[in-house]
Protein backbone atom coordinates (compact mmCIF):
# COMPACT_ATOMS: atom_id res chain seq x y z
CA UNK A 1 103.19 114.66 -52.44
CA UNK A 2 105.60 112.78 -50.16
CA UNK A 3 108.25 112.83 -52.90
CA UNK A 4 107.77 116.46 -53.89
CA UNK A 5 110.97 117.54 -52.14
CA UNK A 6 113.14 114.60 -53.23
CA UNK A 7 116.33 115.89 -54.81
CA UNK A 8 115.82 119.44 -53.52
CA UNK A 9 119.02 120.69 -51.90
CA UNK A 10 118.51 122.22 -48.46
CA UNK A 11 118.68 126.00 -48.19
CA UNK A 12 119.80 127.28 -44.79
CA UNK A 13 117.31 130.14 -45.00
CA UNK A 14 114.30 127.91 -45.69
CA UNK A 15 112.86 124.74 -44.21
CA UNK A 16 114.30 125.38 -40.79
CA UNK A 17 112.80 123.78 -37.73
CA UNK A 18 111.08 126.56 -35.74
CA UNK A 19 113.06 128.22 -32.95
CA UNK A 20 110.54 126.91 -30.40
CA UNK A 21 112.25 123.50 -30.77
CA UNK A 22 115.18 124.83 -28.73
CA UNK A 23 113.02 125.16 -25.61
CA UNK A 24 110.68 122.23 -26.22
CA UNK A 25 113.16 119.59 -27.40
CA UNK A 26 116.84 120.54 -27.47
CA UNK A 27 117.17 122.25 -24.06
CA UNK A 28 115.58 119.40 -22.07
CA UNK A 29 117.77 116.84 -23.88
CA UNK A 30 120.87 118.97 -23.29
CA UNK A 31 120.05 119.29 -19.57
CA UNK A 32 119.45 115.53 -19.37
CA UNK A 33 122.89 115.01 -20.92
CA UNK A 34 124.39 117.27 -18.26
CA UNK A 35 125.89 119.73 -20.75
CA UNK A 36 126.43 123.42 -20.17
CA UNK A 37 125.52 125.76 -23.04
CA UNK A 38 129.22 126.30 -23.77
CA UNK A 39 129.99 122.55 -23.85
CA UNK A 40 126.88 121.80 -25.92
CA UNK A 41 127.68 124.44 -28.54
CA UNK A 42 131.29 123.23 -28.77
CA UNK A 43 130.17 119.64 -29.33
CA UNK A 44 127.83 120.59 -32.18
CA UNK A 45 130.65 122.55 -33.82
CA UNK A 46 129.31 126.04 -33.14
CA UNK A 47 131.27 128.90 -31.63
CA UNK A 48 129.87 129.86 -28.25
CA UNK A 49 127.30 132.63 -28.67
CA UNK A 50 125.33 132.49 -25.43
CA UNK A 51 121.58 132.39 -26.02
CA UNK A 52 121.76 133.94 -29.51
CA UNK A 53 121.66 130.53 -31.17
CA UNK A 54 118.29 129.77 -29.57
CA UNK A 55 116.62 132.81 -31.13
CA UNK A 56 116.73 131.30 -34.61
CA UNK A 57 115.26 128.27 -36.33
CA UNK A 58 117.38 125.13 -36.57
CA UNK A 59 118.62 123.91 -39.94
CA UNK A 60 118.31 120.18 -40.65
CA UNK A 61 122.07 119.64 -40.76
CA UNK A 62 122.54 121.33 -37.38
CA UNK A 63 119.65 119.31 -35.90
CA UNK A 64 121.34 116.11 -37.11
CA UNK A 65 124.51 117.18 -35.24
CA UNK A 66 122.44 118.02 -32.16
CA UNK A 67 120.73 114.61 -32.27
CA UNK A 68 124.09 112.82 -32.56
CA UNK A 69 125.65 114.77 -29.68
CA UNK A 70 122.65 114.41 -27.37
CA UNK A 71 121.75 110.89 -28.55
CA UNK A 72 118.16 112.11 -28.49
CA UNK A 73 115.40 110.40 -30.48
CA UNK A 74 113.09 113.45 -30.56
CA UNK A 75 115.87 115.58 -32.06
CA UNK A 76 116.66 112.83 -34.57
CA UNK A 77 113.01 112.65 -35.64
CA UNK A 78 112.89 116.42 -36.15
CA UNK A 79 116.07 116.34 -38.22
CA UNK A 80 114.83 113.48 -40.41
CA UNK A 81 111.21 114.62 -40.68
CA UNK A 82 109.64 115.04 -44.10
CA UNK A 83 107.65 118.03 -42.83
CA UNK A 84 108.61 121.16 -44.76
CA UNK A 85 108.51 124.18 -42.46
CA UNK A 86 107.48 127.37 -44.17
CA UNK A 87 105.94 130.67 -43.11
CA UNK A 88 102.31 131.56 -43.69
CA UNK A 89 102.37 134.61 -45.95
CA UNK A 90 98.67 135.36 -46.11
CA UNK A 91 95.34 134.17 -44.79
CA UNK A 92 92.45 135.25 -46.95
CA UNK A 93 88.71 134.80 -46.50
CA UNK A 94 87.24 132.16 -48.78
CA UNK A 95 83.60 132.59 -47.83
CA UNK A 96 81.52 130.74 -45.29
CA UNK A 97 81.45 126.96 -45.14
CA UNK A 98 80.31 124.37 -42.65
CA UNK A 99 83.12 123.51 -40.21
CA UNK A 100 83.70 120.20 -38.45
CA UNK A 101 85.87 119.54 -35.42
CA UNK A 102 88.21 116.55 -35.34
CA UNK A 103 90.08 115.22 -32.35
CA UNK A 104 92.65 112.45 -32.75
CA UNK A 105 93.81 110.41 -29.75
CA UNK A 106 96.65 111.93 -27.74
CA UNK A 107 98.52 115.22 -28.12
CA UNK A 108 99.21 114.81 -31.83
CA UNK A 109 99.08 116.88 -34.96
CA UNK A 110 97.63 115.56 -38.18
CA UNK A 111 97.56 116.44 -41.86
CA UNK A 112 94.31 117.77 -43.30
CA UNK A 113 94.16 118.73 -46.97
CA UNK A 114 98.00 118.76 -47.05
CA UNK A 115 98.17 121.17 -44.07
CA UNK A 116 99.57 120.14 -40.68
CA UNK A 117 97.03 121.14 -38.05
CA UNK A 118 96.95 120.82 -34.29
CA UNK A 119 94.85 118.40 -32.30
CA UNK A 120 91.65 120.12 -31.30
CA UNK A 121 89.33 119.68 -28.37
CA UNK A 122 85.73 120.56 -29.14
CA UNK A 123 85.29 122.54 -25.92
CA UNK A 124 88.24 124.77 -26.84
CA UNK A 125 86.70 125.51 -30.25
CA UNK A 126 83.40 126.75 -28.78
CA UNK A 127 83.21 130.54 -28.49
CA UNK A 128 82.73 131.81 -24.95
């Protein structure tokens, strides 16, 4: 499965890093670098467009430029990640099955049955 996307050419409309990465990763690194939005956008080779850029997902090529400009390891890891971001189109009932809760150490995600899932805390999974 790890090699499933080898040789696939990137499509700017697919496999984009979610827009939430702007606020969680890029903005803090940009602030730490002391860059204004205008200076940051100029350095990554984008015409200044205010906050419009941050409303959209980030293509891998753009994230590589961001990582180089900001010299930020978290941005570099996102750009080089082998995680393929795609939208969930449908969730359909598959019947009832026994469910188990799994918590891994720290605030990490993990892969379960080829699906990236979030770290869970048993207390949060209990209905109130």
